[in-house]
Amino acid sequence: METLRNANTLVARNLFIRRAKTDSDRMLEASAEKLLLVMGNESLKKELAALQALDDSRKKQNEELKEKVKRQDDAIIEMQRELNSKEETIEGLREEVAKGVDNTKKD
């Protein structure tokens, strides 16, 4: 009877040890998965920060280009005004020359 009780105790201990090992293995596996997720999350955070920095840089560059285009457009408008003014002056001079030629022919 004592032998049977010892055998039962031994079986119970082995069963307890197997369950504890199984639980321990599951916890270890869950911890490993959590660690992988944390590492992946950190990597994604770094990637996001880099992408945000690139986006900020792109936005700044776009603003600078818009300002440059505006300055160039303003310069073109001013140059066109000057050109128009000079063309008007030239046209006025042509008319004066033509009148002078006509007056010379009449005399």
PDB file of N, CA and C in Angstrom:
ATOM      1  N   MET A   1       0.819  -1.179   0.000  1.00  0.00           N
ATOM      2  CA  MET A   1       0.000   0.000   0.000  1.00  0.00           C
ATOM      3  C   MET A   1       0.877   1.262   0.000  1.00  0.00           C
ATOM      4  N   GLU A   2       1.904   1.189   0.815  1.00  0.00           N
ATOM      5  CA  GLU A   2       2.854   2.307   0.878  1.00  0.00           C
ATOM      6  C   GLU A   2       3.503   2.498  -0.490  1.00  0.00           C
ATOM      7  N   THR A   3       3.803   1.430  -1.161  1.00  0.00           N
ATOM      8  CA  THR A   3       4.429   1.506  -2.476  1.00  0.00           C
ATOM      9  C   THR A   3       3.478   2.157  -3.478  1.00  0.00           C
ATOM     10  N   LEU A   4       2.215   1.824  -3.369  1.00  0.00           N
ATOM     11  CA  LEU A   4       1.203   2.396  -4.253  1.00  0.00           C
ATOM     12  C   LEU A   4       1.074   3.899  -4.005  1.00  0.00           C
ATOM     13  N   ARG A   5       1.079   4.262  -2.724  1.00  0.00           N
ATOM     14  CA  ARG A   5       0.990   5.680  -2.374  1.00  0.00           C
ATOM     15  C   ARG A   5       2.230   6.420  -2.884  1.00  0.00           C
ATOM     16  N   ASN A   6       3.405   5.836  -2.730  1.00  0.00           N
ATOM     17  CA  ASN A   6       4.638   6.451  -3.235  1.00  0.00           C
ATOM     18  C   ASN A   6       4.594   6.577  -4.761  1.00  0.00           C
ATOM     19  N   ALA A   7       4.056   5.554  -5.404  1.00  0.00           N
ATOM     20  CA  ALA A   7       3.937   5.578  -6.866  1.00  0.00           C
ATOM     21  C   ALA A   7       2.976   6.689  -7.283  1.00  0.00           C
ATOM     22  N   ASN A   8       1.850   6.789  -6.572  1.00  0.00           N
ATOM     23  CA  ASN A   8       0.872   7.850  -6.881  1.00  0.00           C
ATOM     24  C   ASN A   8       1.484   9.236  -6.646  1.00  0.00           C
ATOM     25  N   THR A   9       2.226   9.366  -5.576  1.00  0.00           N
ATOM     26  CA  THR A   9       2.889  10.639  -5.274  1.00  0.00           C
ATOM     27  C   THR A   9       3.890  10.975  -6.369  1.00  0.00           C
ATOM     28  N   LEU A  10       4.631   9.979  -6.806  1.00  0.00           N
ATOM     29  CA  LEU A  10       5.618  10.178  -7.858  1.00  0.00           C
ATOM     30  C   LEU A  10       4.938  10.590  -9.165  1.00  0.00           C
ATOM     31  N   VAL A  11       3.831   9.949  -9.502  1.00  0.00           N
ATOM     32  CA  VAL A  11       3.074  10.290 -10.715  1.00  0.00           C
ATOM     33  C   VAL A  11       2.534  11.717 -10.595  1.00  0.00           C
ATOM     34  N   ALA A  12       2.013  12.039  -9.413  1.00  0.00           N
ATOM     35  CA  ALA A  12       1.468  13.389  -9.198  1.00  0.00           C
ATOM     36  C   ALA A  12       2.566  14.439  -9.320  1.00  0.00           C
ATOM     37  N   ARG A  13       3.749  14.133  -8.740  1.00  0.00           N
ATOM     38  CA  ARG A  13       4.871  15.073  -8.859  1.00  0.00           C
ATOM     39  C   ARG A  13       5.286  15.252 -10.316  1.00  0.00           C
ATOM     40  N   ASN A  14       5.380  14.155 -11.042  1.00  0.00           N
ATOM     41  CA  ASN A  14       5.757  14.233 -12.463  1.00  0.00           C
ATOM     42  C   ASN A  14       4.731  15.041 -13.260  1.00  0.00           C
ATOM     43  N   LEU A  15       3.457  14.827 -12.972  1.00  0.00           N
ATOM     44  CA  LEU A  15       2.391  15.570 -13.640  1.00  0.00           C
ATOM     45  C   LEU A  15       2.498  17.054 -13.296  1.00  0.00           C
ATOM     46  N   PHE A  16       2.741  17.358 -12.023  1.00  0.00           N
ATOM     47  CA  PHE A  16       2.887  18.747 -11.584  1.00  0.00           C
ATOM     48  C   PHE A  16       4.088  19.401 -12.272  1.00  0.00           C
ATOM     49  N   ILE A  17       5.197  18.646 -12.341  1.00  0.00           N
ATOM     50  CA  ILE A  17       6.414  19.170 -12.969  1.00  0.00           C
ATOM     51  C   ILE A  17       6.168  19.418 -14.461  1.00  0.00           C
ATOM     52  N   ARG A  18       5.463  18.509 -15.142  1.00  0.00           N
ATOM     53  CA  ARG A  18       5.161  18.697 -16.568  1.00  0.00           C
ATOM     54  C   ARG A  18       4.290  19.930 -16.788  1.00  0.00           C
ATOM     55  N   ARG A  19       3.284  20.075 -15.936  1.00  0.00           N
ATOM     56  CA  ARG A  19       2.396  21.244 -16.053  1.00  0.00           C
ATOM     57  C   ARG A  19       3.177  22.535 -15.797  1.00  0.00           C
ATOM     58  N   ALA A  20       4.033  22.510 -14.783  1.00  0.00           N
ATOM     59  CA  ALA A  20       4.830  23.699 -14.458  1.00  0.00           C
ATOM     60  C   ALA A  20       5.766  24.031 -15.630  1.00  0.00           C
ATOM     61  N   LYS A  21       6.367  22.983 -16.215  1.00  0.00           N
ATOM     62  CA  LYS A  21       7.258  23.192 -17.357  1.00  0.00           C
ATOM     63  C   LYS A  21       6.467  23.723 -18.544  1.00  0.00           C
ATOM     64  N   THR A  22       5.299  23.174 -18.787  1.00  0.00           N
ATOM     65  CA  THR A  22       4.453  23.655 -19.884  1.00  0.00           C
ATOM     66  C   THR A  22       4.076  25.117 -19.665  1.00  0.00           C
ATOM     67  N   ASP A  23       3.663  25.443 -18.445  1.00  0.00           N
ATOM     68  CA  ASP A  23       3.326  26.843 -18.124  1.00  0.00           C
ATOM     69  C   ASP A  23       4.543  27.744 -18.287  1.00  0.00           C
ATOM     70  N   SER A  24       5.685  27.261 -17.836  1.00  0.00           N
ATOM     71  CA  SER A  24       6.919  28.030 -17.952  1.00  0.00           C
ATOM     72  C   SER A  24       7.282  28.244 -19.426  1.00  0.00           C
ATOM     73  N   ASP A  25       7.149  27.196 -20.227  1.00  0.00           N
ATOM     74  CA  ASP A  25       7.439  27.305 -21.663  1.00  0.00           C
ATOM     75  C   ASP A  25       6.493  28.303 -22.336  1.00  0.00           C
ATOM     76  N   ARG A  26       5.217  28.268 -21.974  1.00  0.00           N
ATOM     77  CA  ARG A  26       4.245  29.209 -22.544  1.00  0.00           C
ATOM     78  C   ARG A  26       4.580  30.646 -22.152  1.00  0.00           C
ATOM     79  N   MET A  27       4.942  30.832 -20.890  1.00  0.00           N
ATOM     80  CA  MET A  27       5.301  32.175 -20.430  1.00  0.00           C
ATOM     81  C   MET A  27       6.555  32.673 -21.149  1.00  0.00           C
ATOM     82  N   LEU A  28       7.518  31.769 -21.315  1.00  0.00           N
ATOM     83  CA  LEU A  28       8.746  32.136 -22.015  1.00  0.00           C
ATOM     84  C   LEU A  28       8.442  32.499 -23.463  1.00  0.00           C
ATOM     85  N   GLU A  29       7.602  31.727 -24.113  1.00  0.00           N
ATOM     86  CA  GLU A  29       7.216  31.997 -25.497  1.00  0.00           C
ATOM     87  C   GLU A  29       6.470  33.336 -25.595  1.00  0.00           C
ATOM     88  N   ALA A  30       5.572  33.597 -24.657  1.00  0.00           N
ATOM     89  CA  ALA A  30       4.831  34.857 -24.649  1.00  0.00           C
ATOM     90  C   ALA A  30       5.779  36.033 -24.424  1.00  0.00           C
ATOM     91  N   SER A  31       6.750  35.839 -23.540  1.00  0.00           N
ATOM     92  CA  SER A  31       7.731  36.900 -23.288  1.00  0.00           C
ATOM     93  C   SER A  31       8.579  37.163 -24.524  1.00  0.00           C
ATOM     94  N   ALA A  32       8.959  36.098 -25.207  1.00  0.00           N
ATOM     95  CA  ALA A  32       9.752  36.249 -26.428  1.00  0.00           C
ATOM     96  C   ALA A  32       8.943  36.987 -27.498  1.00  0.00           C
ATOM     97  N   GLU A  33       7.662  36.646 -27.635  1.00  0.00           N
ATOM     98  CA  GLU A  33       6.803  37.333 -28.596  1.00  0.00           C
ATOM     99  C   GLU A  33       6.647  38.809 -28.230  1.00  0.00           C
ATOM    100  N   LYS A  34       6.480  39.057 -26.935  1.00  0.00           N
ATOM    101  CA  LYS A  34       6.338  40.448 -26.479  1.00  0.00           C
ATOM    102  C   LYS A  34       7.617  41.227 -26.766  1.00  0.00           C
ATOM    103  N   LEU A  35       8.758  40.605 -26.516  1.00  0.00           N
ATOM    104  CA  LEU A  35      10.041  41.257 -26.795  1.00  0.00           C
ATOM    105  C   LEU A  35      10.171  41.578 -28.280  1.00  0.00           C
ATOM    106  N   LEU A  36       9.794  40.639 -29.140  1.00  0.00           N
ATOM    107  CA  LEU A  36       9.842  40.885 -30.582  1.00  0.00           C
ATOM    108  C   LEU A  36       8.921  42.032 -30.975  1.00  0.00           C
ATOM    109  N   LEU A  37       7.736  42.069 -30.377  1.00  0.00           N
ATOM    110  CA  LEU A  37       6.797  43.158 -30.672  1.00  0.00           C
ATOM    111  C   LEU A  37       7.345  44.502 -30.210  1.00  0.00           C
ATOM    112  N   VAL A  38       7.950  44.521 -29.025  1.00  0.00           N
ATOM    113  CA  VAL A  38       8.530  45.768 -28.505  1.00  0.00           C
ATOM    114  C   VAL A  38       9.665  46.230 -29.409  1.00  0.00           C
ATOM    115  N   MET A  39      10.510  45.300 -29.823  1.00  0.00           N
ATOM    116  CA  MET A  39      11.631  45.652 -30.704  1.00  0.00           C
ATOM    117  C   MET A  39      11.110  46.165 -32.051  1.00  0.00           C
ATOM    118  N   GLY A  40      10.097  45.482 -32.576  1.00  0.00           N
ATOM    119  CA  GLY A  40       9.487  45.925 -33.835  1.00  0.00           C
ATOM    120  C   GLY A  40       8.863  47.295 -33.687  1.00  0.00           C
ATOM    121  N   ASN A  41       8.204  47.516 -32.555  1.00  0.00           N
ATOM    122  CA  ASN A  41       7.578  48.807 -32.289  1.00  0.00           C
ATOM    123  C   ASN A  41       8.620  49.920 -32.220  1.00  0.00           C
ATOM    124  N   GLU A  42       9.737  49.657 -31.554  1.00  0.00           N
ATOM    125  CA  GLU A  42      10.816  50.646 -31.462  1.00  0.00           C
ATOM    126  C   GLU A  42      11.379  50.953 -32.849  1.00  0.00           C
ATOM    127  N   SER A  43      11.536  49.919 -33.645  1.00  0.00           N
ATOM    128  CA  SER A  43      12.038  50.113 -35.007  1.00  0.00           C
ATOM    129  C   SER A  43      11.061  50.963 -35.814  1.00  0.00           C
ATOM    130  N   LEU A  44       9.770  50.691 -35.668  1.00  0.00           N
ATOM    131  CA  LEU A  44       8.761  51.474 -36.378  1.00  0.00           C
ATOM    132  C   LEU A  44       8.730  52.924 -35.891  1.00  0.00           C
ATOM    133  N   LYS A  45       8.945  53.127 -34.596  1.00  0.00           N
ATOM    134  CA  LYS A  45       8.989  54.496 -34.063  1.00  0.00           C
ATOM    135  C   LYS A  45      10.144  55.268 -34.681  1.00  0.00           C
ATOM    136  N   LYS A  46      11.305  54.618 -34.800  1.00  0.00           N
ATOM    137  CA  LYS A  46      12.465  55.268 -35.409  1.00  0.00           C
ATOM    138  C   LYS A  46      12.189  55.582 -36.876  1.00  0.00           C
ATOM    139  N   GLU A  47      11.583  54.632 -37.570  1.00  0.00           N
ATOM    140  CA  GLU A  47      11.263  54.833 -38.980  1.00  0.00           C
ATOM    141  C   GLU A  47      10.256  55.978 -39.133  1.00  0.00           C
ATOM    142  N   LEU A  48       9.263  56.023 -38.264  1.00  0.00           N
ATOM    143  CA  LEU A  48       8.266  57.097 -38.298  1.00  0.00           C
ATOM    144  C   LEU A  48       8.928  58.450 -38.059  1.00  0.00           C
ATOM    145  N   ALA A  49       9.822  58.511 -37.091  1.00  0.00           N
ATOM    146  CA  ALA A  49      10.525  59.773 -36.811  1.00  0.00           C
ATOM    147  C   ALA A  49      11.331  60.220 -38.028  1.00  0.00           C
ATOM    148  N   ALA A  50      11.987  59.279 -38.684  1.00  0.00           N
ATOM    149  CA  ALA A  50      12.771  59.618 -39.882  1.00  0.00           C
ATOM    150  C   ALA A  50      11.852  60.102 -41.002  1.00  0.00           C
ATOM    151  N   LEU A  51      10.719  59.430 -41.184  1.00  0.00           N
ATOM    152  CA  LEU A  51       9.774  59.832 -42.217  1.00  0.00           C
ATOM    153  C   LEU A  51       9.170  61.204 -41.915  1.00  0.00           C
ATOM    154  N   GLN A  52       8.891  61.470 -40.649  1.00  0.00           N
ATOM    155  CA  GLN A  52       8.363  62.785 -40.274  1.00  0.00           C
ATOM    156  C   GLN A  52       9.401  63.875 -40.529  1.00  0.00           C
ATOM    157  N   ALA A  53      10.654  63.568 -40.240  1.00  0.00           N
ATOM    158  CA  ALA A  53      11.722  64.541 -40.507  1.00  0.00           C
ATOM    159  C   ALA A  53      11.825  64.803 -42.010  1.00  0.00           C
ATOM    160  N   LEU A  54      11.719  63.749 -42.804  1.00  0.00           N
ATOM    161  CA  LEU A  54      11.758  63.919 -44.255  1.00  0.00           C
ATOM    162  C   LEU A  54      10.562  64.736 -44.744  1.00  0.00           C
ATOM    163  N   ASP A  55       9.396  64.463 -44.164  1.00  0.00           N
ATOM    164  CA  ASP A  55       8.193  65.203 -44.544  1.00  0.00           C
ATOM    165  C   ASP A  55       8.341  66.676 -44.187  1.00  0.00           C
ATOM    166  N   ASP A  56       8.856  66.953 -43.002  1.00  0.00           N
ATOM    167  CA  ASP A  56       9.080  68.343 -42.589  1.00  0.00           C
ATOM    168  C   ASP A  56      10.063  69.028 -43.533  1.00  0.00           C
ATOM    169  N   SER A  57      11.120  68.312 -43.888  1.00  0.00           N
ATOM    170  CA  SER A  57      12.122  68.857 -44.800  1.00  0.00           C
ATOM    171  C   SER A  57      11.500  69.135 -46.169  1.00  0.00           C
ATOM    172  N   ARG A  58      10.688  68.207 -46.639  1.00  0.00           N
ATOM    173  CA  ARG A  58      10.017  68.378 -47.934  1.00  0.00           C
ATOM    174  C   ARG A  58       9.081  69.579 -47.895  1.00  0.00           C
ATOM    175  N   LYS A  59       8.325  69.739 -46.813  1.00  0.00           N
ATOM    176  CA  LYS A  59       7.422  70.880 -46.689  1.00  0.00           C
ATOM    177  C   LYS A  59       8.202  72.193 -46.692  1.00  0.00           C
ATOM    178  N   LYS A  60       9.302  72.221 -45.958  1.00  0.00           N
ATOM    179  CA  LYS A  60      10.132  73.426 -45.917  1.00  0.00           C
ATOM    180  C   LYS A  60      10.681  73.737 -47.305  1.00  0.00           C
ATOM    181  N   GLN A  61      11.160  72.703 -47.984  1.00  0.00           N
ATOM    182  CA  GLN A  61      11.706  72.897 -49.324  1.00  0.00           C
ATOM    183  C   GLN A  61      10.618  73.398 -50.277  1.00  0.00           C
ATOM    184  N   ASN A  62       9.406  72.854 -50.167  1.00  0.00           N
ATOM    185  CA  ASN A  62       8.295  73.311 -51.005  1.00  0.00           C
ATOM    186  C   ASN A  62       7.993  74.780 -50.753  1.00  0.00           C
ATOM    187  N   GLU A  63       7.993  75.180 -49.488  1.00  0.00           N
ATOM    188  CA  GLU A  63       7.736  76.583 -49.152  1.00  0.00           C
ATOM    189  C   GLU A  63       8.824  77.487 -49.732  1.00  0.00           C
ATOM    190  N   GLU A  64      10.071  77.052 -49.614  1.00  0.00           N
ATOM    191  CA  GLU A  64      11.178  77.832 -50.169  1.00  0.00           C
ATOM    192  C   GLU A  64      11.053  77.952 -51.684  1.00  0.00           C
ATOM    193  N   LEU A  65      10.661  76.850 -52.335  1.00  0.00           N
ATOM    194  CA  LEU A  65      10.488  76.888 -53.789  1.00  0.00           C
ATOM    195  C   LEU A  65       9.324  77.799 -54.183  1.00  0.00           C
ATOM    196  N   LYS A  66       8.248  77.770 -53.416  1.00  0.00           N
ATOM    197  CA  LYS A  66       7.110  78.655 -53.694  1.00  0.00           C
ATOM    198  C   LYS A  66       7.525  80.118 -53.574  1.00  0.00           C
ATOM    199  N   GLU A  67       8.312  80.420 -52.547  1.00  0.00           N
ATOM    200  CA  GLU A  67       8.799  81.790 -52.366  1.00  0.00           C
ATOM    201  C   GLU A  67       9.702  82.194 -53.533  1.00  0.00           C
ATOM    202  N   LYS A  68      10.556  81.281 -53.960  1.00  0.00           N
ATOM    203  CA  LYS A  68      11.462  81.567 -55.079  1.00  0.00           C
ATOM    204  C   LYS A  68      10.657  81.818 -56.353  1.00  0.00           C
ATOM    205  N   VAL A  69       9.648  80.985 -56.597  1.00  0.00           N
ATOM    206  CA  VAL A  69       8.807  81.147 -57.782  1.00  0.00           C
ATOM    207  C   VAL A  69       8.083  82.490 -57.731  1.00  0.00           C
ATOM    208  N   LYS A  70       7.593  82.879 -56.549  1.00  0.00           N
ATOM    209  CA  LYS A  70       6.901  84.160 -56.412  1.00  0.00           C
ATOM    210  C   LYS A  70       7.847  85.312 -56.722  1.00  0.00           C
ATOM    211  N   ARG A  71       9.073  85.247 -56.188  1.00  0.00           N
ATOM    212  CA  ARG A  71      10.063  86.295 -56.477  1.00  0.00           C
ATOM    213  C   ARG A  71      10.361  86.362 -57.967  1.00  0.00           C
ATOM    214  N   GLN A  72      10.489  85.199 -58.607  1.00  0.00           N
ATOM    215  CA  GLN A  72      10.758  85.169 -60.045  1.00  0.00           C
ATOM    216  C   GLN A  72       9.563  85.708 -60.831  1.00  0.00           C
ATOM    217  N   ASP A  73       8.349  85.342 -60.418  1.00  0.00           N
ATOM    218  CA  ASP A  73       7.152  85.875 -61.075  1.00  0.00           C
ATOM    219  C   ASP A  73       7.098  87.387 -60.937  1.00  0.00           C
ATOM    220  N   ASP A  74       7.398  87.889 -59.741  1.00  0.00           N
ATOM    221  CA  ASP A  74       7.409  89.344 -59.529  1.00  0.00           C
ATOM    222  C   ASP A  74       8.460  90.007 -60.416  1.00  0.00           C
ATOM    223  N   ALA A  75       9.633  89.391 -60.519  1.00  0.00           N
ATOM    224  CA  ALA A  75      10.699  89.938 -61.366  1.00  0.00           C
ATOM    225  C   ALA A  75      10.269  89.932 -62.833  1.00  0.00           C
ATOM    226  N   ILE A  76       9.602  88.874 -63.263  1.00  0.00           N
ATOM    227  CA  ILE A  76       9.126  88.786 -64.649  1.00  0.00           C
ATOM    228  C   ILE A  76       8.096  89.872 -64.920  1.00  0.00           C
ATOM    229  N   ILE A  77       7.181  90.069 -63.969  1.00  0.00           N
ATOM    230  CA  ILE A  77       6.161  91.119 -64.130  1.00  0.00           C
ATOM    231  C   ILE A  77       6.824  92.485 -64.246  1.00  0.00           C
ATOM    232  N   GLU A  78       7.805  92.755 -63.396  1.00  0.00           N
ATOM    233  CA  GLU A  78       8.510  94.035 -63.439  1.00  0.00           C
ATOM    234  C   GLU A  78       9.267  94.197 -64.753  1.00  0.00           C
ATOM    235  N   MET A  79       9.925  93.143 -65.197  1.00  0.00           N
ATOM    236  CA  MET A  79      10.652  93.202 -66.468  1.00  0.00           C
ATOM    237  C   MET A  79       9.683  93.423 -67.632  1.00  0.00           C
ATOM    238  N   GLN A  80       8.505  92.797 -67.572  1.00  0.00           N
ATOM    239  CA  GLN A  80       7.504  92.981 -68.629  1.00  0.00           C
ATOM    240  C   GLN A  80       7.019  94.430 -68.648  1.00  0.00           C
ATOM    241  N   ARG A  81       6.839  95.028 -67.454  1.00  0.00           N
ATOM    242  CA  ARG A  81       6.448  96.447 -67.389  1.00  0.00           C
ATOM    243  C   ARG A  81       7.517  97.330 -68.030  1.00  0.00           C
ATOM    244  N   GLU A  82       8.773  97.057 -67.682  1.00  0.00           N
ATOM    245  CA  GLU A  82       9.872  97.833 -68.260  1.00  0.00           C
ATOM    246  C   GLU A  82       9.919  97.668 -69.774  1.00  0.00           C
ATOM    247  N   LEU A  83       9.721  96.439 -70.239  1.00  0.00           N
ATOM    248  CA  LEU A  83       9.734  96.167 -71.676  1.00  0.00           C
ATOM    249  C   LEU A  83       8.597  96.908 -72.368  1.00  0.00           C
ATOM    250  N   ASN A  84       7.414  96.860 -71.771  1.00  0.00           N
ATOM    251  CA  ASN A  84       6.264  97.573 -72.341  1.00  0.00           C
ATOM    252  C   ASN A  84       6.534  99.069 -72.407  1.00  0.00           C
ATOM    253  N   SER A  85       7.119  99.604 -71.337  1.00  0.00           N
ATOM    254  CA  SER A  85       7.438 101.037 -71.299  1.00  0.00           C
ATOM    255  C   SER A  85       8.444 101.392 -72.381  1.00  0.00           C
ATOM    256  N   LYS A  86       9.454 100.570 -72.544  1.00  0.00           N
ATOM    257  CA  LYS A  86      10.471 100.822 -73.567  1.00  0.00           C
ATOM    258  C   LYS A  86       9.875 100.705 -74.960  1.00  0.00           C
ATOM    259  N   GLU A  87       8.970  99.742 -75.137  1.00  0.00           N
ATOM    260  CA  GLU A  87       8.316  99.584 -76.439  1.00  0.00           C
ATOM    261  C   GLU A  87       7.453 100.808 -76.740  1.00  0.00           C
ATOM    262  N   GLU A  88       6.781 101.336 -75.732  1.00  0.00           N
ATOM    263  CA  GLU A  88       5.979 102.546 -75.920  1.00  0.00           C
ATOM    264  C   GLU A  88       6.882 103.720 -76.289  1.00  0.00           C
ATOM    265  N   THR A  89       8.033 103.815 -75.631  1.00  0.00           N
ATOM    266  CA  THR A  89       8.991 104.883 -75.937  1.00  0.00           C
ATOM    267  C   THR A  89       9.489 104.746 -77.366  1.00  0.00           C
ATOM    268  N   ILE A  90       9.822 103.538 -77.755  1.00  0.00           N
ATOM    269  CA  ILE A  90      10.311 103.290 -79.123  1.00  0.00           C
ATOM    270  C   ILE A  90       9.223 103.633 -80.132  1.00  0.00           C
ATOM    271  N   GLU A  91       7.988 103.224 -79.831  1.00  0.00           N
ATOM    272  CA  GLU A  91       6.883 103.521 -80.734  1.00  0.00           C
ATOM    273  C   GLU A  91       6.680 105.029 -80.853  1.00  0.00           C
ATOM    274  N   GLY A  92       6.789 105.742 -79.714  1.00  0.00           N
ATOM    275  CA  GLY A  92       6.678 107.200 -79.737  1.00  0.00           C
ATOM    276  C   GLY A  92       7.780 107.830 -80.583  1.00  0.00           C
ATOM    277  N   LEU A  93       8.991 107.313 -80.431  1.00  0.00           N
ATOM    278  CA  LEU A  93      10.110 107.827 -81.227  1.00  0.00           C
ATOM    279  C   LEU A  93       9.910 107.551 -82.716  1.00  0.00           C
ATOM    280  N   ARG A  94       9.392 106.389 -83.053  1.00  0.00           N
ATOM    281  CA  ARG A  94       9.111 106.057 -84.457  1.00  0.00           C
ATOM    282  C   ARG A  94       8.112 107.047 -85.043  1.00  0.00           C
ATOM    283  N   GLU A  95       7.090 107.329 -84.236  1.00  0.00           N
ATOM    284  CA  GLU A  95       6.081 108.278 -84.717  1.00  0.00           C
ATOM    285  C   GLU A  95       6.698 109.655 -84.929  1.00  0.00           C
ATOM    286  N   GLU A  96       7.566 110.057 -83.998  1.00  0.00           N
ATOM    287  CA  GLU A  96       8.240 111.357 -84.124  1.00  0.00           C
ATOM    288  C   GLU A  96       9.127 111.385 -85.365  1.00  0.00           C
ATOM    289  N   VAL A  97       9.842 110.292 -85.595  1.00  0.00           N
ATOM    290  CA  VAL A  97      10.709 110.202 -86.773  1.00  0.00           C
ATOM    291  C   VAL A  97       9.862 110.252 -88.040  1.00  0.00           C
ATOM    292  N   ALA A  98       8.746 109.529 -88.019  1.00  0.00           N
ATOM    293  CA  ALA A  98       7.871 109.506 -89.191  1.00  0.00           C
ATOM    294  C   ALA A  98       7.319 110.901 -89.462  1.00  0.00           C
ATOM    295  N   LYS A  99       6.913 111.604 -88.405  1.00  0.00           N
ATOM    296  CA  LYS A  99       6.416 112.969 -88.574  1.00  0.00           C
ATOM    297  C   LYS A  99       7.523 113.871 -89.126  1.00  0.00           C
ATOM    298  N   GLY A 100       8.722 113.693 -88.580  1.00  0.00           N
ATOM    299  CA  GLY A 100       9.862 114.483 -89.048  1.00  0.00           C
ATOM    300  C   GLY A 100      10.137 114.228 -90.515  1.00  0.00           C
ATOM    301  N   VAL A 101      10.064 112.973 -90.938  1.00  0.00           N
ATOM    302  CA  VAL A 101      10.295 112.632 -92.323  1.00  0.00           C
ATOM    303  C   VAL A 101       9.197 113.245 -93.195  1.00  0.00           C
ATOM    304  N   ASP A 102       7.951 113.159 -92.723  1.00  0.00           N
ATOM    305  CA  ASP A 102       6.832 113.719 -93.480  1.00  0.00           C
ATOM    306  C   ASP A 102       6.997 115.239 -93.599  1.00  0.00           C
ATOM    307  N   ASN A 103       7.401 115.882 -92.501  1.00  0.00           N
ATOM    308  CA  ASN A 103       7.590 117.340 -92.524  1.00  0.00           C
ATOM    309  C   ASN A 103       8.745 117.723 -93.446  1.00  0.00           C
ATOM    310  N   THR A 104       9.769 116.910 -93.515  1.00  0.00           N
ATOM    311  CA  THR A 104      10.913 117.168 -94.373  1.00  0.00           C
ATOM    312  C   THR A 104      10.488 117.050 -95.836  1.00  0.00           C
ATOM    313  N   LYS A 105       9.622 116.070 -96.123  1.00  0.00           N
ATOM    314  CA  LYS A 105       9.143 115.858 -97.495  1.00  0.00           C
ATOM    315  C   LYS A 105       8.263 117.020 -97.932  1.00  0.00           C
ATOM    316  N   LYS A 106       7.509 117.591 -96.997  1.00  0.00           N
ATOM    317  CA  LYS A 106       6.612 118.688 -97.316  1.00  0.00           C
ATOM    318  C   LYS A 106       7.397 119.962 -97.589  1.00  0.00           C
ATOM    319  N   ASP A 107       8.481 120.127 -96.980  1.00  0.00           N
ATOM    320  CA  ASP A 107       9.280 121.360 -97.118  1.00  0.00           C
ATOM    321  C   ASP A 107      10.038 121.308 -98.377  1.00  0.00           C
TER     322      ASP A 107
END
